[in-house]
Amino acid sequence: MTMPPPVRVAVMGSTGSIGVSTLDVLARHPDRYRVFALTAHRNATRLGEQCLTHRPTFAVVDAATDATALQQQLRSAGVATQVLYGSDALTHIAAHAQVDVVMAAIVGAAGLQSTLAAAQAGKRILLANKEALVMSGPLFMQAVREGGATLIPVDSEHNAIFQCLVGDRSAAASQGVKRVLLTASGGPFLRTPSAALHSVTPDQACAHPRWVMGRKISVDSATLMNKGLELIEACLLFGLPAAQVEVVVHPQSIVHSLVEYCDGSMLAQLGNPDMRVPIAHALGWPDRIHSGVESLDIVRAGSLEFEAPDLERFPCLQLARAAAVAGGTAPAVLNAANEVAVGAFLDRRLAFVEIARIIGTVLQQHHAGASGLMPSAVSLEDVLKADQWARRQALVAISLAAGAVA
């Protein structure tokens, strides 16, 4: 029996936690997959190590100087990988004719255009970059439909919902779905007194109790903005209004999400908190492949706890829900303001509790019409304008906050 040719995979954001986990799963199935391209932003050293191991056809970095140094390193090691640089190179690789699967794992707005290019080119997209979908919303889903792409979520929560649905996942309501419940660990500050949140440090915010992630997404988990972005993403992926998407805190991170049907049935997907599980599912779907993750011992896991989120402690969740309801360019504004505020917090220019206040200020200006933006995102240009406007306003608000403290 003739074996099918290996599936060619481009891992966009290969040096981050999702990218590293993806390469781990791919390496377990060398006859089934081939690493076609790897990309990184600034971590050229780690990208070089990955190229020596996986020998992709292409590698992409952000800066020309890094590209030159990496190309010389690989040539001296006898590796034929061609090194490219810049945002245009990312878009080129995502839409490359020889790419079958794109792992979209670039963090933040930086991943939007390459992920959109993969959709327009009809690729199988494993979506780990929730910000790209949150920003462009219906435009992205339209590109998926028109390009004939296959979209499989990699976020553990959305992947869990995907597994609990049958038929057309983009129209969950037609399947008798009453609601979906996104589980949240609660992050490192679930039990921290509210008064103590004023003085938390970036290192404390990044010390997630269950997951090992990058610093930006770790802060998002600490504020619960990550869950807010996932709420918006769930509405788009599964064709549900915000009222049918709920968030429940589940500190054990074993139940990754649940789907309730109109007949009272509730389905859940369980597993150890390891991103290789949803990555392997997305890579193999509709087949199942080994992920390298240990089986879940439900006896040892013991009791599973669930509770409603504290919206006073985690106001970012409410801000995200409001943006989901508003629609249009509001989600793009929310995402951009959050990225700027989180960056300022990580740089120690902003207190942890001020993140939500900055986002709220920018959203309020947007809702009041001060932005002059289109009320609905009718083009990619509208999305990018909203993104840039929100970033400028967030910087102004952060500057004013710093001045007030001084």
Foldseek 3Di string as FASTA:
>chain_A
DDDDQAAEEAEEALVFPLNVLLVVQCVVCVRHHAHAEYEHEPPLVVVLVVCVVRLHQEYEYADPVSQVVSVVVCVVVVRNHHYYHHLVVLLCVLLPPRHAEYEQQDEAPSSQNNLLSNLQSQHAYADPHLRNCLLQPPVSVVSNVNNNHHYAYLQLQRNFVVVVDDDQQQARVVVQWQAKEAEALQFQCNPPPLVVLQDDALVSQQPGPADNGDSLVSNCSNLVLNVLSVLLSSCRRRVHASVRYHYKYKNQCFFRMWIAGPVGDIDTHGFGPDSLLSSQVSVQPVDGDDSPDDGDDVVVSPDIDIGHGDCVSRVSNVLSSVLSNQAANSSLLLRLLLVLLSVCRNVVLDRSVCSNVLSVVLSVCVVVCVLVADSHCPDVVSSVSSNVSSNVSSVVVSVVVSVVVD
